[in-house]
Amino acid sequence: MTSHPLADAWSAPLQPRFAGVRFLVGVDGGGTGTRVRLSDVDGQLLGQGWAGPSALGQGIAQAWRHIQMAVQEAAAKANIDRLPLGETAIGLGLSGAGVAAQAQAFIAQQPGYAHIELVNDGTTTVIGAHAGRPGGVVAAGTGTVGEALRSDGSMVCVSGWGWIGGDEGSGAWLGIQAMRLAQKAMDGRIDAGPLARAVWAAAGCQNHEDRDAINAWVAQAGQHAYAQLAPLVFEQSEADPAAAALVAQAVAELEQLALALDPTRQLPLSLAGSVAQRLAALFSGNIRARCVSPQGDSADGALRLVRGALSDPR
């Protein structure tokens, strides 16, 4: 399989214009938290730090504030009182970086790093999982998205359209399907099996005709609330054919995603998220055979990304 320049990032010499860079920062930032790794230009880990969310959709100022808090923590653990930003390059995989206006605003407010590389967190997850070599990641937890670095160097993204009309195979998607079954069963349109009854109980129904409880639950439910119904689908899948059918449909959706990522069916795949990992054993032979453990995470991918940029002659 053809390699990729990021696979050799740590051994490539720095370009002359980056000769003064001594430190690298890799950032994995999302809607719940920020993880930072600080290294030297040879990849030696110096320190790590954590802070609050840095998803760009939650605000540019907050993103930089939390990133800098995590960077300061990583520097302190490396016994560096004040990290010299002019001698530091930073790579970031942030949720929301795929929105051009948000990305541009974020870069415009950068506090003085010698160089900055910004991509979405899915891209750095792929780079980290396969150590810069071609490969894909199928992520299915609360939501669903697939990303891959193909052998020709191109990146591709599949799914990730959001929980209301997309993210098939995710926890929220399973929860929505389970609630639909529960509503139909309450109407008498289908038989009330174990899954429907479990959803009724989760919604606080006092009896099998408690429409008010279902309506109240749906009125306030968001993505995470629906995702919390997903475990009921798995728990009832042996006893309830309707639940088993939903599990099978989720498998089919994730397999379709994997095929779209790599129609050649050759790239190694890493699975992320509780739903993908729970369904792994049910995948077809080819997809299951291509599943590998990740070699690193999104913060590792961000470090590799920025180190590759410093050695790129273009």
Protein backbone atom coordinates (compact mmCIF):
# COMPACT_ATOMS: atom_id res chain seq x y z
CA MET A 1 0.00 0.00 0.00
CA THR A 2 1.29 3.46 -0.87
CA SER A 3 2.48 5.42 2.15
CA HIS A 4 1.73 9.06 2.93
CA PRO A 5 4.08 11.91 3.89
CA LEU A 6 2.56 12.13 7.38
CA ALA A 7 3.77 8.59 8.07
CA ASP A 8 7.35 9.90 7.87
CA ALA A 9 6.66 13.25 9.54
CA TRP A 10 8.84 12.69 12.60
CA SER A 11 11.95 11.73 10.64
CA ALA A 12 11.76 14.47 7.98
CA PRO A 13 14.01 17.54 8.43
CA LEU A 14 12.45 20.89 9.27
CA GLN A 15 12.25 23.45 6.51
CA PRO A 16 14.70 26.35 7.02
CA ARG A 17 11.92 28.84 7.75
CA PHE A 18 10.91 26.73 10.75
CA ALA A 19 14.42 26.29 12.13
CA GLY A 20 13.51 28.28 15.23
CA VAL A 21 10.62 26.00 16.23
CA ARG A 22 11.48 24.05 19.37
CA PHE A 23 8.09 22.87 20.60
CA LEU A 24 4.96 21.28 19.12
CA VAL A 25 1.43 21.30 20.51
CA GLY A 26 -1.26 18.83 19.44
CA VAL A 27 -4.86 19.62 20.33
CA ASP A 28 -7.99 17.46 20.30
CA GLY A 29 -10.94 19.73 20.98
CA GLY A 30 -14.66 19.00 21.06
CA GLY A 31 -17.91 19.96 22.68
CA THR A 32 -17.12 18.49 26.08
CA GLY A 33 -13.39 18.99 26.54
CA THR A 34 -9.94 19.75 25.20
CA ARG A 35 -6.90 17.49 25.36
CA VAL A 36 -3.41 18.82 24.62
CA ARG A 37 -0.05 17.14 24.13
CA LEU A 38 3.23 19.04 24.14
CA SER A 39 6.32 17.56 22.50
CA ASP A 40 9.68 18.58 21.08
CA VAL A 41 10.22 18.59 17.31
CA ASP A 42 11.44 14.99 17.42
CA GLY A 43 8.20 13.74 18.95
CA GLN A 44 9.39 13.33 22.53
CA LEU A 45 6.34 13.85 24.76
CA LEU A 46 6.95 16.60 27.32
CA GLY A 47 3.58 17.10 28.97
CA GLN A 48 -0.19 16.85 28.68
CA GLY A 49 -3.06 19.12 29.66
CA TRP A 50 -6.85 19.17 29.81
CA ALA A 51 -9.48 21.91 29.85
CA GLY A 52 -13.08 22.65 28.93
CA PRO A 53 -14.70 22.49 25.49
CA SER A 54 -13.13 24.06 22.41
CA ALA A 55 -15.67 23.23 19.71
CA LEU A 56 -15.71 26.26 17.45
CA GLY A 57 -19.48 26.35 17.33
CA GLN A 58 -19.48 27.21 21.04
CA GLY A 59 -17.43 30.37 20.49
CA ILE A 60 -13.96 31.30 19.26
CA ALA A 61 -12.93 33.12 22.43
CA GLN A 62 -13.89 30.14 24.60
CA ALA A 63 -12.00 27.78 22.30
CA TRP A 64 -8.75 29.71 22.57
CA ARG A 65 -9.19 30.25 26.31
CA HIS A 66 -9.56 26.54 27.00
CA ILE A 67 -6.81 25.56 24.56
CA GLN A 68 -4.39 27.95 26.23
CA MET A 69 -5.38 26.68 29.67
CA ALA A 70 -4.60 23.12 28.57
CA VAL A 71 -1.35 24.23 26.92
CA GLN A 72 -0.26 25.97 30.12
CA GLU A 73 -0.99 22.82 32.11
CA ALA A 74 1.06 20.72 29.67
CA ALA A 75 3.94 23.21 29.83
CA ALA A 76 3.86 23.24 33.63
CA LYS A 77 4.13 19.45 33.67
CA ALA A 78 7.16 19.82 31.40
CA ASN A 79 8.67 22.31 33.91
CA ILE A 80 8.34 25.15 31.39
CA ASP A 81 7.22 28.32 33.19
CA ARG A 82 6.14 30.16 30.06
CA LEU A 83 5.95 28.36 26.73
CA PRO A 84 7.48 30.60 24.01
CA LEU A 85 4.70 30.70 21.42
CA GLY A 86 7.05 32.18 18.82
CA GLU A 87 9.08 28.97 19.04
CA THR A 88 6.03 26.70 19.11
CA ALA A 89 3.92 25.25 16.28
CA ILE A 90 0.41 24.06 17.02
CA GLY A 91 -1.77 21.48 15.28
CA LEU A 92 -5.45 21.36 16.12
CA GLY A 93 -8.25 18.92 15.42
CA LEU A 94 -11.34 20.83 16.48
CA SER A 95 -15.04 20.17 16.16
CA GLY A 96 -16.45 22.80 13.82
CA ALA A 97 -13.22 23.44 11.93
CA GLY A 98 -14.92 22.30 8.74
CA VAL A 99 -17.02 25.48 8.77
CA ALA A 100 -14.84 27.92 6.84
CA ALA A 101 -16.04 31.10 8.57
CA GLN A 102 -15.42 29.60 12.02
CA ALA A 103 -11.99 28.33 11.04
CA GLN A 104 -10.94 31.69 9.60
CA ALA A 105 -12.12 33.57 12.67
CA PHE A 106 -10.27 31.14 14.92
CA ILE A 107 -6.97 31.47 13.05
CA ALA A 108 -7.31 35.25 12.97
CA GLN A 109 -7.35 35.28 16.78
CA GLN A 110 -4.40 32.95 17.29
CA PRO A 111 -2.17 34.30 20.10
CA GLY A 112 1.23 34.19 18.40
CA TYR A 113 2.22 30.62 17.54
CA ALA A 114 5.01 30.25 14.99
CA HIS A 115 2.76 28.10 12.82
CA ILE A 116 -0.79 26.77 13.02
CA GLU A 117 -2.48 23.81 11.31
CA LEU A 118 -6.24 23.50 11.79
CA VAL A 119 -8.51 20.66 10.66
CA ASN A 120 -11.62 19.01 12.05
CA ASP A 121 -11.19 16.47 14.83
CA GLY A 122 -12.23 13.59 12.59
CA THR A 123 -9.22 14.20 10.36
CA THR A 124 -6.75 14.14 13.25
CA THR A 125 -8.47 11.01 14.59
CA VAL A 126 -7.74 9.23 11.29
CA ILE A 127 -4.14 10.48 11.20
CA GLY A 128 -3.59 9.36 14.79
CA ALA A 129 -5.32 6.00 14.43
CA HIS A 130 -3.17 4.92 11.48
CA ALA A 131 0.03 6.83 12.32
CA GLY A 132 -0.26 8.97 9.20
CA ARG A 133 -0.78 6.05 6.82
CA PRO A 134 -3.90 5.43 4.74
CA GLY A 135 -6.82 4.09 6.71
CA GLY A 136 -10.33 4.85 7.88
CA VAL A 137 -12.21 5.45 11.09
CA VAL A 138 -15.84 4.46 11.59
CA ALA A 139 -17.10 6.39 14.60
CA ALA A 140 -20.53 5.59 16.01
CA GLY A 141 -21.43 6.70 19.49
CA THR A 142 -24.04 9.36 20.16
CA GLY A 143 -23.60 10.37 16.49
CA THR A 144 -22.04 8.72 13.47
CA VAL A 145 -19.30 9.80 11.07
CA GLY A 146 -16.67 8.08 8.96
CA GLU A 147 -13.42 9.57 7.69
CA ALA A 148 -10.57 8.07 5.73
CA LEU A 149 -7.17 8.97 4.37
CA ARG A 150 -7.03 7.19 1.05
CA SER A 151 -3.91 5.84 -0.64
CA ASP A 152 -3.83 8.79 -3.06
CA GLY A 153 -3.55 11.22 -0.14
CA SER A 154 -7.14 12.47 -0.31
CA MET A 155 -9.39 12.71 2.74
CA VAL A 156 -13.03 11.68 2.54
CA CYS A 157 -15.88 12.13 5.01
CA VAL A 158 -19.08 10.06 5.07
CA SER A 159 -22.23 10.58 7.18
CA GLY A 160 -21.99 13.00 10.11
CA TRP A 161 -25.04 14.94 8.90
CA GLY A 162 -26.49 15.34 12.37
CA TRP A 163 -28.90 13.42 14.53
CA ILE A 164 -32.19 14.87 13.28
CA GLY A 165 -32.01 13.59 9.72
CA GLY A 166 -28.84 11.53 9.57
CA ASP A 167 -26.16 9.78 11.70
CA GLU A 168 -27.62 6.40 10.82
CA GLY A 169 -26.34 3.60 13.02
CA SER A 170 -25.61 5.92 15.95
CA GLY A 171 -26.92 5.78 19.48
CA ALA A 172 -29.28 8.69 18.86
CA TRP A 173 -30.54 7.05 15.67
CA LEU A 174 -31.23 3.80 17.50
CA GLY A 175 -33.05 5.72 20.21
CA ILE A 176 -35.24 7.53 17.67
CA GLN A 177 -36.17 4.22 16.04
CA ALA A 178 -36.94 2.71 19.45
CA MET A 179 -39.20 5.63 20.38
CA ARG A 180 -41.07 5.29 17.07
CA LEU A 181 -41.71 1.63 17.85
CA ALA A 182 -42.93 2.56 21.33
CA GLN A 183 -45.34 5.13 19.91
CA LYS A 184 -46.73 2.70 17.33
CA ALA A 185 -47.16 0.06 20.03
CA MET A 186 -49.04 2.50 22.26
CA ASP A 187 -51.38 3.22 19.34
CA GLY A 188 -51.91 -0.48 18.67
CA ARG A 189 -50.37 -0.22 15.21
CA ILE A 190 -47.87 -2.94 16.18
CA ASP A 191 -47.68 -5.41 19.05
CA ALA A 192 -46.08 -4.11 22.24
CA GLY A 193 -42.91 -6.14 22.62
CA PRO A 194 -40.18 -5.94 25.28
CA LEU A 195 -38.42 -3.00 23.60
CA ALA A 196 -41.56 -0.87 23.36
CA ARG A 197 -42.36 -1.57 27.01
CA ALA A 198 -38.79 -0.71 28.05
CA VAL A 199 -39.03 2.63 26.23
CA TRP A 200 -42.38 3.34 27.89
CA ALA A 201 -40.75 2.79 31.27
CA ALA A 202 -37.78 4.99 30.37
CA ALA A 203 -40.16 7.78 29.39
CA GLY A 204 -41.95 7.55 32.72
CA CYS A 205 -45.21 6.04 31.48
CA GLN A 206 -47.55 4.98 34.26
CA ASN A 207 -49.44 2.56 32.01
CA HIS A 208 -49.64 1.39 28.41
CA GLU A 209 -51.94 4.30 27.47
CA ASP A 210 -49.91 7.16 28.98
CA ARG A 211 -49.58 9.33 25.87
CA ASP A 212 -48.91 12.42 27.97
CA ALA A 213 -45.68 10.95 29.33
CA ILE A 214 -44.45 10.07 25.82
CA ASN A 215 -45.34 13.53 24.51
CA ALA A 216 -43.60 15.23 27.44
CA TRP A 217 -40.46 13.13 26.98
CA VAL A 218 -40.27 13.81 23.23
CA ALA A 219 -40.88 17.53 23.73
CA GLN A 220 -37.74 17.94 25.79
CA ALA A 221 -35.55 15.21 24.25
CA GLY A 222 -32.39 16.03 22.34
CA GLN A 223 -29.61 13.99 20.83
CA HIS A 224 -28.22 12.73 24.12
CA ALA A 225 -31.62 11.77 25.50
CA TYR A 226 -32.35 9.64 22.45
CA ALA A 227 -28.88 8.08 22.65
CA GLN A 228 -29.66 6.99 26.20
CA LEU A 229 -32.41 4.76 24.78
CA ALA A 230 -29.91 2.86 22.61
CA PRO A 231 -28.81 0.47 25.40
CA LEU A 232 -32.42 -0.70 25.63
CA VAL A 233 -32.24 -1.85 22.02
CA PHE A 234 -29.20 -3.98 22.75
CA GLU A 235 -30.62 -5.29 26.03
CA GLN A 236 -33.84 -6.46 24.36
CA SER A 237 -32.33 -7.72 21.09
CA GLU A 238 -32.35 -11.38 22.13
CA ALA A 239 -35.93 -11.36 23.38
CA ASP A 240 -37.53 -8.94 20.93
CA PRO A 241 -37.41 -9.42 17.13
CA ALA A 242 -38.07 -5.69 16.66
CA ALA A 243 -34.97 -4.83 18.69
CA ALA A 244 -32.93 -7.46 16.85
CA ALA A 245 -34.03 -5.93 13.54
CA LEU A 246 -32.84 -2.49 14.66
CA VAL A 247 -29.44 -3.91 15.62
CA ALA A 248 -29.17 -5.57 12.20
CA GLN A 249 -30.15 -2.32 10.50
CA ALA A 250 -27.49 -0.41 12.46
CA VAL A 251 -24.88 -2.93 11.33
CA ALA A 252 -26.00 -2.50 7.72
CA GLU A 253 -25.81 1.29 7.99
CA LEU A 254 -22.26 1.23 9.38
CA GLU A 255 -21.14 -1.30 6.78
CA GLN A 256 -22.56 0.97 4.06
CA LEU A 257 -20.57 3.84 5.59
CA ALA A 258 -17.38 1.76 5.59
CA LEU A 259 -17.87 0.81 1.94
CA ALA A 260 -18.38 4.45 0.96
CA LEU A 261 -15.15 5.37 2.76
CA ASP A 262 -13.21 2.75 0.80
CA PRO A 263 -14.91 1.13 -2.19
CA THR A 264 -11.73 -0.92 -2.76
CA ARG A 265 -12.33 -2.68 0.59
CA GLN A 266 -8.61 -2.64 1.33
CA LEU A 267 -7.92 0.10 3.85
CA PRO A 268 -7.52 -0.79 7.53
CA LEU A 269 -10.38 0.45 9.69
CA SER A 270 -10.39 1.66 13.26
CA LEU A 271 -13.62 1.74 15.24
CA ALA A 272 -14.49 4.57 17.60
CA GLY A 273 -17.51 5.06 19.81
CA SER A 274 -19.46 2.67 22.00
CA VAL A 275 -22.00 1.64 19.35
CA ALA A 276 -19.40 0.81 16.67
CA GLN A 277 -17.37 -1.22 19.12
CA ARG A 278 -20.44 -3.08 20.36
CA LEU A 279 -21.47 -3.98 16.79
CA ALA A 280 -17.96 -4.93 15.62
CA ALA A 281 -18.49 -8.67 16.07
CA LEU A 282 -21.56 -8.52 13.78
CA PHE A 283 -19.78 -6.92 10.83
CA SER A 284 -19.29 -8.93 7.65
CA GLY A 285 -16.07 -10.87 7.17
CA ASN A 286 -14.21 -8.33 5.03
CA ILE A 287 -14.95 -5.36 7.27
CA ARG A 288 -14.29 -7.30 10.45
CA ALA A 289 -10.99 -8.56 9.05
CA ARG A 290 -9.85 -5.03 8.27
CA CYS A 291 -10.55 -3.67 11.76
CA VAL A 292 -7.39 -2.77 13.67
CA SER A 293 -6.64 -1.17 17.02
CA PRO A 294 -5.81 2.55 16.76
CA GLN A 295 -2.12 3.40 17.03
CA GLY A 296 -2.88 6.82 18.49
CA ASP A 297 -5.67 9.30 19.14
CA SER A 298 -6.71 12.67 17.79
CA ALA A 299 -4.10 14.61 19.80
CA ASP A 300 -1.39 12.31 18.40
CA GLY A 301 -2.77 12.99 14.94
CA ALA A 302 -2.65 16.74 15.53
CA LEU A 303 1.01 16.53 16.54
CA ARG A 304 1.85 14.47 13.47
CA LEU A 305 -0.11 16.90 11.28
CA VAL A 306 1.80 19.98 12.42
CA ARG A 307 5.17 18.20 12.36
CA GLY A 308 4.48 17.17 8.76
CA ALA A 309 3.68 20.78 7.86
CA LEU A 310 7.03 21.98 9.26
CA SER A 311 8.92 19.59 6.98
CA ASP A 312 6.80 20.14 3.86
CA PRO A 313 8.90 21.88 1.16
CA ARG A 314 5.86 23.39 -0.54
